[in-house]
PDB file of N, CA and C in Angstrom:
ATOM      1  N   MET A   1       0.848  -1.159   0.000  1.00  0.00           N
ATOM      2  CA  MET A   1       0.000   0.000   0.000  1.00  0.00           C
ATOM      3  C   MET A   1       0.897   1.227   0.000  1.00  0.00           C
ATOM      4  N   SER A   2       0.511   2.213  -0.718  1.00  0.00           N
ATOM      5  CA  SER A   2       1.293   3.441  -0.797  1.00  0.00           C
ATOM      6  C   SER A   2       0.367   4.629  -0.612  1.00  0.00           C
ATOM      7  N   GLU A   3       0.805   5.588   0.194  1.00  0.00           N
ATOM      8  CA  GLU A   3       0.039   6.808   0.423  1.00  0.00           C
ATOM      9  C   GLU A   3       0.835   8.002  -0.071  1.00  0.00           C
ATOM     10  N   THR A   4       0.123   9.002  -0.541  1.00  0.00           N
ATOM     11  CA  THR A   4       0.746  10.279  -0.847  1.00  0.00           C
ATOM     12  C   THR A   4       0.424  11.211   0.300  1.00  0.00           C
ATOM     13  N   VAL A   5       1.474  11.689   0.959  1.00  0.00           N
ATOM     14  CA  VAL A   5       1.296  12.556   2.118  1.00  0.00           C
ATOM     15  C   VAL A   5       2.109  13.826   1.885  1.00  0.00           C
ATOM     16  N   PRO A   6       1.471  14.973   1.953  1.00  0.00           N
ATOM     17  CA  PRO A   6       2.236  16.208   1.768  1.00  0.00           C
ATOM     18  C   PRO A   6       3.202  16.431   2.924  1.00  0.00           C
ATOM     19  N   GLY A   7       4.316  17.056   2.618  1.00  0.00           N
ATOM     20  CA  GLY A   7       5.294  17.351   3.655  1.00  0.00           C
ATOM     21  C   GLY A   7       4.945  18.618   4.395  1.00  0.00           C
ATOM     22  N   GLY A   8       5.730  18.928   5.354  1.00  0.00           N
ATOM     23  CA  GLY A   8       5.519  20.158   6.105  1.00  0.00           C
ATOM     24  C   GLY A   8       4.501  19.997   7.210  1.00  0.00           C
ATOM     25  N   LEU A   9       4.058  21.106   7.714  1.00  0.00           N
ATOM     26  CA  LEU A   9       3.150  21.103   8.866  1.00  0.00           C
ATOM     27  C   LEU A   9       1.707  21.388   8.490  1.00  0.00           C
ATOM     28  N   LEU A  10       1.402  21.443   7.201  1.00  0.00           N
ATOM     29  CA  LEU A  10       0.036  21.733   6.793  1.00  0.00           C
ATOM     30  C   LEU A  10      -0.884  20.569   7.138  1.00  0.00           C
ATOM     31  N   PRO A  11      -2.033  20.860   7.697  1.00  0.00           N
ATOM     32  CA  PRO A  11      -2.979  19.789   8.040  1.00  0.00           C
ATOM     33  C   PRO A  11      -3.770  19.365   6.799  1.00  0.00           C
ATOM     34  N   THR A  12      -3.191  18.501   5.966  1.00  0.00           N
ATOM     35  CA  THR A  12      -3.866  18.068   4.750  1.00  0.00           C
ATOM     36  C   THR A  12      -4.145  16.579   4.802  1.00  0.00           C
ATOM     37  N   GLU A  13      -4.990  16.139   3.917  1.00  0.00           N
ATOM     38  CA  GLU A  13      -5.487  14.771   3.912  1.00  0.00           C
ATOM     39  C   GLU A  13      -4.505  13.813   3.243  1.00  0.00           C
ATOM     40  N   ARG A  14      -4.365  12.610   3.824  1.00  0.00           N
ATOM     41  CA  ARG A  14      -3.570  11.549   3.202  1.00  0.00           C
ATOM     42  C   ARG A  14      -4.408  10.925   2.095  1.00  0.00           C
ATOM     43  N   LYS A  15      -3.740  10.491   1.016  1.00  0.00           N
ATOM     44  CA  LYS A  15      -4.463   9.864  -0.086  1.00  0.00           C
ATOM     45  C   LYS A  15      -3.776   8.567  -0.475  1.00  0.00           C
ATOM     46  N   LEU A  16      -4.576   7.532  -0.700  1.00  0.00           N
ATOM     47  CA  LEU A  16      -4.052   6.248  -1.135  1.00  0.00           C
ATOM     48  C   LEU A  16      -3.548   6.393  -2.565  1.00  0.00           C
ATOM     49  N   ALA A  17      -2.267   6.104  -2.793  1.00  0.00           N
ATOM     50  CA  ALA A  17      -1.676   6.233  -4.126  1.00  0.00           C
ATOM     51  C   ALA A  17      -1.735   4.909  -4.882  1.00  0.00           C
ATOM     52  N   SER A  18      -1.522   3.798  -4.188  1.00  0.00           N
ATOM     53  CA  SER A  18      -1.609   2.492  -4.839  1.00  0.00           C
ATOM     54  C   SER A  18      -1.790   1.415  -3.779  1.00  0.00           C
ATOM     55  N   ASN A  19      -2.278   0.293  -4.229  1.00  0.00           N
ATOM     56  CA  ASN A  19      -2.450  -0.855  -3.351  1.00  0.00           C
ATOM     57  C   ASN A  19      -2.179  -2.085  -4.199  1.00  0.00           C
ATOM     58  N   ASP A  20      -1.022  -2.693  -4.027  1.00  0.00           N
ATOM     59  CA  ASP A  20      -0.616  -3.840  -4.829  1.00  0.00           C
ATOM     60  C   ASP A  20      -0.518  -5.074  -3.951  1.00  0.00           C
ATOM     61  N   SER A  21      -0.727  -6.215  -4.558  1.00  0.00           N
ATOM     62  CA  SER A  21      -0.481  -7.470  -3.861  1.00  0.00           C
ATOM     63  C   SER A  21       0.151  -8.437  -4.861  1.00  0.00           C
ATOM     64  N   ARG A  22       0.899  -9.375  -4.332  1.00  0.00           N
ATOM     65  CA  ARG A  22       1.516 -10.382  -5.189  1.00  0.00           C
ATOM     66  C   ARG A  22       1.725 -11.644  -4.366  1.00  0.00           C
ATOM     67  N   THR A  23       1.857 -12.745  -5.040  1.00  0.00           N
ATOM     68  CA  THR A  23       2.121 -14.018  -4.382  1.00  0.00           C
ATOM     69  C   THR A  23       3.625 -14.215  -4.306  1.00  0.00           C
ATOM     70  N   LEU A  24       4.106 -14.574  -3.135  1.00  0.00           N
ATOM     71  CA  LEU A  24       5.536 -14.828  -2.959  1.00  0.00           C
ATOM     72  C   LEU A  24       5.893 -16.162  -3.593  1.00  0.00           C
ATOM     73  N   THR A  25       7.110 -16.242  -4.121  1.00  0.00           N
ATOM     74  CA  THR A  25       7.607 -17.528  -4.610  1.00  0.00           C
ATOM     75  C   THR A  25       7.861 -18.427  -3.398  1.00  0.00           C
ATOM     76  N   ASP A  26       8.036 -19.702  -3.642  1.00  0.00           N
ATOM     77  CA  ASP A  26       8.336 -20.627  -2.547  1.00  0.00           C
ATOM     78  C   ASP A  26       9.630 -20.225  -1.840  1.00  0.00           C
ATOM     79  N   HIS A  27      10.632 -19.806  -2.611  1.00  0.00           N
ATOM     80  CA  HIS A  27      11.905 -19.380  -2.027  1.00  0.00           C
ATOM     81  C   HIS A  27      11.722 -18.126  -1.167  1.00  0.00           C
ATOM     82  N   GLU A  28      10.974 -17.127  -1.688  1.00  0.00           N
ATOM     83  CA  GLU A  28      10.725 -15.900  -0.920  1.00  0.00           C
ATOM     84  C   GLU A  28       9.968 -16.208   0.366  1.00  0.00           C
ATOM     85  N   ALA A  29       8.958 -17.075   0.273  1.00  0.00           N
ATOM     86  CA  ALA A  29       8.166 -17.423   1.454  1.00  0.00           C
ATOM     87  C   ALA A  29       9.018 -18.122   2.502  1.00  0.00           C
ATOM     88  N   ALA A  30       9.875 -19.049   2.072  1.00  0.00           N
ATOM     89  CA  ALA A  30      10.746 -19.763   3.019  1.00  0.00           C
ATOM     90  C   ALA A  30      11.749 -18.799   3.655  1.00  0.00           C
ATOM     91  N   THR A  31      12.302 -17.895   2.851  1.00  0.00           N
ATOM     92  CA  THR A  31      13.252 -16.911   3.370  1.00  0.00           C
ATOM     93  C   THR A  31      12.563 -15.979   4.356  1.00  0.00           C
ATOM     94  N   LEU A  32      11.374 -15.501   4.025  1.00  0.00           N
ATOM     95  CA  LEU A  32      10.626 -14.612   4.919  1.00  0.00           C
ATOM     96  C   LEU A  32      10.284 -15.326   6.226  1.00  0.00           C
ATOM     97  N   ASP A  33       9.860 -16.581   6.150  1.00  0.00           N
ATOM     98  CA  ASP A  33       9.587 -17.359   7.368  1.00  0.00           C
ATOM     99  C   ASP A  33      10.817 -17.441   8.257  1.00  0.00           C
ATOM    100  N   ARG A  34      11.992 -17.663   7.644  1.00  0.00           N
ATOM    101  CA  ARG A  34      13.234 -17.745   8.420  1.00  0.00           C
ATOM    102  C   ARG A  34      13.581 -16.392   9.039  1.00  0.00           C
ATOM    103  N   LEU A  35      13.424 -15.319   8.267  1.00  0.00           N
ATOM    104  CA  LEU A  35      13.795 -13.986   8.764  1.00  0.00           C
ATOM    105  C   LEU A  35      12.913 -13.529   9.925  1.00  0.00           C
ATOM    106  N   VAL A  36      11.609 -13.817   9.878  1.00  0.00           N
ATOM    107  CA  VAL A  36      10.734 -13.332  10.958  1.00  0.00           C
ATOM    108  C   VAL A  36      10.922 -14.099  12.256  1.00  0.00           C
ATOM    109  N   THR A  37      11.659 -15.207  12.215  1.00  0.00           N
ATOM    110  CA  THR A  37      11.970 -15.924  13.459  1.00  0.00           C
ATOM    111  C   THR A  37      13.315 -15.504  14.036  1.00  0.00           C
ATOM    112  N   THR A  38      14.020 -14.596  13.342  1.00  0.00           N
ATOM    113  CA  THR A  38      15.331 -14.117  13.785  1.00  0.00           C
ATOM    114  C   THR A  38      15.153 -13.019  14.833  1.00  0.00           C
ATOM    115  N   PRO A  39      15.607 -13.237  16.067  1.00  0.00           N
ATOM    116  CA  PRO A  39      15.415 -12.224  17.123  1.00  0.00           C
ATOM    117  C   PRO A  39      15.984 -10.847  16.785  1.00  0.00           C
ATOM    118  N   SER A  40      17.076 -10.795  16.018  1.00  0.00           N
ATOM    119  CA  SER A  40      17.681  -9.495  15.707  1.00  0.00           C
ATOM    120  C   SER A  40      16.753  -8.600  14.897  1.00  0.00           C
ATOM    121  N   LEU A  41      15.813  -9.185  14.161  1.00  0.00           N
ATOM    122  CA  LEU A  41      14.863  -8.387  13.381  1.00  0.00           C
ATOM    123  C   LEU A  41      14.103  -7.415  14.276  1.00  0.00           C
ATOM    124  N   TYR A  42      13.788  -7.831  15.474  1.00  0.00           N
ATOM    125  CA  TYR A  42      12.933  -7.045  16.371  1.00  0.00           C
ATOM    126  C   TYR A  42      13.710  -6.083  17.263  1.00  0.00           C
ATOM    127  N   ARG A  43      15.048  -6.159  17.213  1.00  0.00           N
ATOM    128  CA  ARG A  43      15.812  -5.267  18.080  1.00  0.00           C
ATOM    129  C   ARG A  43      16.969  -4.555  17.388  1.00  0.00           C
ATOM    130  N   GLU A  44      17.204  -4.829  16.098  1.00  0.00           N
ATOM    131  CA  GLU A  44      18.348  -4.215  15.431  1.00  0.00           C
ATOM    132  C   GLU A  44      18.118  -2.724  15.188  1.00  0.00           C
ATOM    133  N   THR A  45      19.209  -1.994  15.125  1.00  0.00           N
ATOM    134  CA  THR A  45      19.161  -0.573  14.809  1.00  0.00           C
ATOM    135  C   THR A  45      19.011  -0.420  13.305  1.00  0.00           C
ATOM    136  N   LYS A  46      18.140   0.453  12.888  1.00  0.00           N
ATOM    137  CA  LYS A  46      17.905   0.689  11.472  1.00  0.00           C
ATOM    138  C   LYS A  46      19.167   1.228  10.810  1.00  0.00           C
ATOM    139  N   LYS A  47      19.551   0.639   9.669  1.00  0.00           N
ATOM    140  CA  LYS A  47      20.706   1.104   8.914  1.00  0.00           C
ATOM    141  C   LYS A  47      20.284   1.279   7.471  1.00  0.00           C
ATOM    142  N   THR A  48      20.675   2.413   6.872  1.00  0.00           N
ATOM    143  CA  THR A  48      20.346   2.648   5.475  1.00  0.00           C
ATOM    144  C   THR A  48      21.593   3.031   4.689  1.00  0.00           C
ATOM    145  N   ILE A  49      21.516   2.819   3.381  1.00  0.00           N
ATOM    146  CA  ILE A  49      22.569   3.261   2.473  1.00  0.00           C
ATOM    147  C   ILE A  49      21.899   4.014   1.332  1.00  0.00           C
ATOM    148  N   GLU A  50      22.652   4.583   0.471  1.00  0.00           N
ATOM    149  CA  GLU A  50      22.220   5.358  -0.689  1.00  0.00           C
ATOM    150  C   GLU A  50      21.775   6.749  -0.263  1.00  0.00           C
ATOM    151  N   ALA A  51      21.827   7.650  -1.215  1.00  0.00           N
ATOM    152  CA  ALA A  51      21.477   9.043  -0.946  1.00  0.00           C
ATOM    153  C   ALA A  51      19.994   9.177  -0.611  1.00  0.00           C
ATOM    154  N   ARG A  52      19.729  10.011   0.366  1.00  0.00           N
ATOM    155  CA  ARG A  52      18.355  10.327   0.737  1.00  0.00           C
ATOM    156  C   ARG A  52      18.182  11.818   0.563  1.00  0.00           C
ATOM    157  N   GLY A  53      17.040  12.216   0.138  1.00  0.00           N
ATOM    158  CA  GLY A  53      16.835  13.647  -0.049  1.00  0.00           C
ATOM    159  C   GLY A  53      15.372  13.994  -0.171  1.00  0.00           C
ATOM    160  N   ILE A  54      15.126  15.242  -0.424  1.00  0.00           N
ATOM    161  CA  ILE A  54      13.756  15.732  -0.558  1.00  0.00           C
ATOM    162  C   ILE A  54      13.094  15.015  -1.717  1.00  0.00           C
ATOM    163  N   GLY A  55      11.900  14.524  -1.485  1.00  0.00           N
ATOM    164  CA  GLY A  55      11.149  13.829  -2.515  1.00  0.00           C
ATOM    165  C   GLY A  55      11.432  12.349  -2.610  1.00  0.00           C
ATOM    166  N   ALA A  56      12.404  11.849  -1.845  1.00  0.00           N
ATOM    167  CA  ALA A  56      12.708  10.417  -1.863  1.00  0.00           C
ATOM    168  C   ALA A  56      11.579   9.650  -1.181  1.00  0.00           C
ATOM    169  N   PRO A  57      11.327   8.422  -1.619  1.00  0.00           N
ATOM    170  CA  PRO A  57      10.275   7.626  -0.958  1.00  0.00           C
ATOM    171  C   PRO A  57      10.604   7.406   0.516  1.00  0.00           C
ATOM    172  N   PHE A  58       9.583   7.432   1.338  1.00  0.00           N
ATOM    173  CA  PHE A  58       9.712   7.182   2.773  1.00  0.00           C
ATOM    174  C   PHE A  58       8.823   5.987   3.080  1.00  0.00           C
ATOM    175  N   HIS A  59       9.346   5.020   3.797  1.00  0.00           N
ATOM    176  CA  HIS A  59       8.621   3.778   4.056  1.00  0.00           C
ATOM    177  C   HIS A  59       8.385   3.588   5.549  1.00  0.00           C
ATOM    178  N   VAL A  60       7.274   2.947   5.868  1.00  0.00           N
ATOM    179  CA  VAL A  60       6.997   2.502   7.234  1.00  0.00           C
ATOM    180  C   VAL A  60       6.525   1.057   7.117  1.00  0.00           C
ATOM    181  N   MET A  61       7.170   0.169   7.864  1.00  0.00           N
ATOM    182  CA  MET A  61       6.816  -1.237   7.832  1.00  0.00           C
ATOM    183  C   MET A  61       6.581  -1.712   9.261  1.00  0.00           C
ATOM    184  N   SER A  62       5.418  -2.285   9.501  1.00  0.00           N
ATOM    185  CA  SER A  62       5.136  -2.897  10.801  1.00  0.00           C
ATOM    186  C   SER A  62       5.184  -4.403  10.627  1.00  0.00           C
ATOM    187  N   ILE A  63       5.912  -5.063  11.503  1.00  0.00           N
ATOM    188  CA  ILE A  63       6.013  -6.518  11.482  1.00  0.00           C
ATOM    189  C   ILE A  63       5.462  -7.018  12.806  1.00  0.00           C
ATOM    190  N   VAL A  64       4.432  -7.838  12.723  1.00  0.00           N
ATOM    191  CA  VAL A  64       3.822  -8.411  13.922  1.00  0.00           C
ATOM    192  C   VAL A  64       3.717  -9.913  13.683  1.00  0.00           C
ATOM    193  N   THR A  65       4.457 -10.680  14.477  1.00  0.00           N
ATOM    194  CA  THR A  65       4.452 -12.138  14.370  1.00  0.00           C
ATOM    195  C   THR A  65       4.415 -12.717  15.775  1.00  0.00           C
ATOM    196  N   PRO A  66       4.219 -14.009  15.888  1.00  0.00           N
ATOM    197  CA  PRO A  66       4.311 -14.627  17.215  1.00  0.00           C
ATOM    198  C   PRO A  66       5.716 -14.499  17.822  1.00  0.00           C
ATOM    199  N   PHE A  67       6.709 -14.132  17.020  1.00  0.00           N
ATOM    200  CA  PHE A  67       8.098 -14.038  17.488  1.00  0.00           C
ATOM    201  C   PHE A  67       8.474 -12.645  17.961  1.00  0.00           C
ATOM    202  N   GLY A  68       7.652 -11.657  17.671  1.00  0.00           N
ATOM    203  CA  GLY A  68       7.951 -10.293  18.080  1.00  0.00           C
ATOM    204  C   GLY A  68       7.167  -9.277  17.280  1.00  0.00           C
ATOM    205  N   ARG A  69       7.422  -8.013  17.586  1.00  0.00           N
ATOM    206  CA  ARG A  69       6.716  -6.902  16.949  1.00  0.00           C
ATOM    207  C   ARG A  69       7.685  -5.739  16.817  1.00  0.00           C
ATOM    208  N   THR A  70       7.660  -5.087  15.650  1.00  0.00           N
ATOM    209  CA  THR A  70       8.497  -3.913  15.440  1.00  0.00           C
ATOM    210  C   THR A  70       7.890  -3.042  14.354  1.00  0.00           C
ATOM    211  N   THR A  71       8.136  -1.755  14.412  1.00  0.00           N
ATOM    212  CA  THR A  71       7.767  -0.826  13.354  1.00  0.00           C
ATOM    213  C   THR A  71       9.029  -0.097  12.942  1.00  0.00           C
ATOM    214  N   ILE A  72       9.306  -0.118  11.656  1.00  0.00           N
ATOM    215  CA  ILE A  72      10.533   0.453  11.123  1.00  0.00           C
ATOM    216  C   ILE A  72      10.168   1.545  10.125  1.00  0.00           C
ATOM    217  N   SER A  73      10.777   2.713  10.238  1.00  0.00           N
ATOM    218  CA  SER A  73      10.584   3.814   9.294  1.00  0.00           C
ATOM    219  C   SER A  73      11.929   4.111   8.652  1.00  0.00           C
ATOM    220  N   TRP A  74      11.929   4.317   7.338  1.00  0.00           N
ATOM    221  CA  TRP A  74      13.206   4.604   6.678  1.00  0.00           C
ATOM    222  C   TRP A  74      12.984   5.241   5.318  1.00  0.00           C
ATOM    223  N   ASP A  75      14.048   5.882   4.861  1.00  0.00           N
ATOM    224  CA  ASP A  75      14.132   6.297   3.467  1.00  0.00           C
ATOM    225  C   ASP A  75      15.479   5.789   2.973  1.00  0.00           C
ATOM    226  N   GLY A  76      15.795   5.941   1.721  1.00  0.00           N
ATOM    227  CA  GLY A  76      17.011   5.340   1.196  1.00  0.00           C
ATOM    228  C   GLY A  76      16.828   3.847   1.062  1.00  0.00           C
ATOM    229  N   ARG A  77      17.870   3.082   1.237  1.00  0.00           N
ATOM    230  CA  ARG A  77      17.813   1.618   1.143  1.00  0.00           C
ATOM    231  C   ARG A  77      18.095   1.020   2.510  1.00  0.00           C
ATOM    232  N   LEU A  78      17.168   0.256   3.032  1.00  0.00           N
ATOM    233  CA  LEU A  78      17.282  -0.379   4.342  1.00  0.00           C
ATOM    234  C   LEU A  78      18.132  -1.635   4.211  1.00  0.00           C
ATOM    235  N   ILE A  79      19.099  -1.826   5.130  1.00  0.00           N
ATOM    236  CA  ILE A  79      19.945  -3.015   5.100  1.00  0.00           C
ATOM    237  C   ILE A  79      19.809  -3.787   6.408  1.00  0.00           C
ATOM    238  N   GLY A  80      20.415  -4.953   6.474  1.00  0.00           N
ATOM    239  CA  GLY A  80      20.310  -5.801   7.660  1.00  0.00           C
ATOM    240  C   GLY A  80      19.141  -6.760   7.512  1.00  0.00           C
ATOM    241  N   THR A  81      18.750  -7.390   8.600  1.00  0.00           N
ATOM    242  CA  THR A  81      17.645  -8.339   8.575  1.00  0.00           C
ATOM    243  C   THR A  81      16.357  -7.646   8.159  1.00  0.00           C
ATOM    244  N   SER A  82      16.094  -6.462   8.712  1.00  0.00           N
ATOM    245  CA  SER A  82      14.876  -5.744   8.338  1.00  0.00           C
ATOM    246  C   SER A  82      14.911  -5.334   6.868  1.00  0.00           C
ATOM    247  N   GLY A  83      16.092  -5.032   6.333  1.00  0.00           N
ATOM    248  CA  GLY A  83      16.226  -4.718   4.918  1.00  0.00           C
ATOM    249  C   GLY A  83      15.902  -5.915   4.038  1.00  0.00           C
ATOM    250  N   ALA A  84      16.324  -7.106   4.476  1.00  0.00           N
ATOM    251  CA  ALA A  84      16.011  -8.327   3.724  1.00  0.00           C
ATOM    252  C   ALA A  84      14.505  -8.571   3.703  1.00  0.00           C
ATOM    253  N   VAL A  85      13.842  -8.338   4.832  1.00  0.00           N
ATOM    254  CA  VAL A  85      12.384  -8.477   4.884  1.00  0.00           C
ATOM    255  C   VAL A  85      11.738  -7.452   3.954  1.00  0.00           C
ATOM    256  N   ALA A  86      12.176  -6.206   4.013  1.00  0.00           N
ATOM    257  CA  ALA A  86      11.615  -5.156   3.170  1.00  0.00           C
ATOM    258  C   ALA A  86      11.810  -5.478   1.695  1.00  0.00           C
ATOM    259  N   ASP A  87      12.977  -6.008   1.325  1.00  0.00           N
ATOM    260  CA  ASP A  87      13.213  -6.354  -0.073  1.00  0.00           C
ATOM    261  C   ASP A  87      12.219  -7.392  -0.567  1.00  0.00           C
ATOM    262  N   ILE A  88      11.929  -8.386   0.258  1.00  0.00           N
ATOM    263  CA  ILE A  88      10.952  -9.420  -0.139  1.00  0.00           C
ATOM    264  C   ILE A  88       9.568  -8.799  -0.249  1.00  0.00           C
ATOM    265  N   VAL A  89       9.163  -8.057   0.775  1.00  0.00           N
ATOM    266  CA  VAL A  89       7.808  -7.480   0.800  1.00  0.00           C
ATOM    267  C   VAL A  89       7.607  -6.485  -0.334  1.00  0.00           C
ATOM    268  N   LEU A  90       8.646  -5.686  -0.619  1.00  0.00           N
ATOM    269  CA  LEU A  90       8.537  -4.673  -1.683  1.00  0.00           C
ATOM    270  C   LEU A  90       8.872  -5.240  -3.065  1.00  0.00           C
ATOM    271  N   GLY A  91       9.223  -6.528  -3.138  1.00  0.00           N
ATOM    272  CA  GLY A  91       9.506  -7.159  -4.421  1.00  0.00           C
ATOM    273  C   GLY A  91      10.844  -6.785  -5.019  1.00  0.00           C
ATOM    274  N   LYS A  92      11.814  -6.457  -4.176  1.00  0.00           N
ATOM    275  CA  LYS A  92      13.131  -6.052  -4.664  1.00  0.00           C
ATOM    276  C   LYS A  92      14.195  -7.109  -4.354  1.00  0.00           C
ATOM    277  N   GLY A  93      13.790  -8.247  -3.834  1.00  0.00           N
ATOM    278  CA  GLY A  93      14.745  -9.266  -3.397  1.00  0.00           C
ATOM    279  C   GLY A  93      15.287 -10.138  -4.470  1.00  0.00           C
TER     280      GLY A  93
END
């Protein structure tokens, strides 16, 4: 799901920009299952690479499983265990 949200402090309305779904491959599903059982996913410090700037996409991902819960916000490219999860979910893996 993607929202378009204006920047700044103006009190304006959020708008749904897109809503996509896809079926994970067997490999992606097995990898995602393994990653969500990794304790570091729920406690690691967010790390990003690549240039970030005005107008760059900003992401928020909430992960809720029987193994833990975390909400991660980032722009740029997320790395680490949470980055691997984001790559699968966003279809970049």
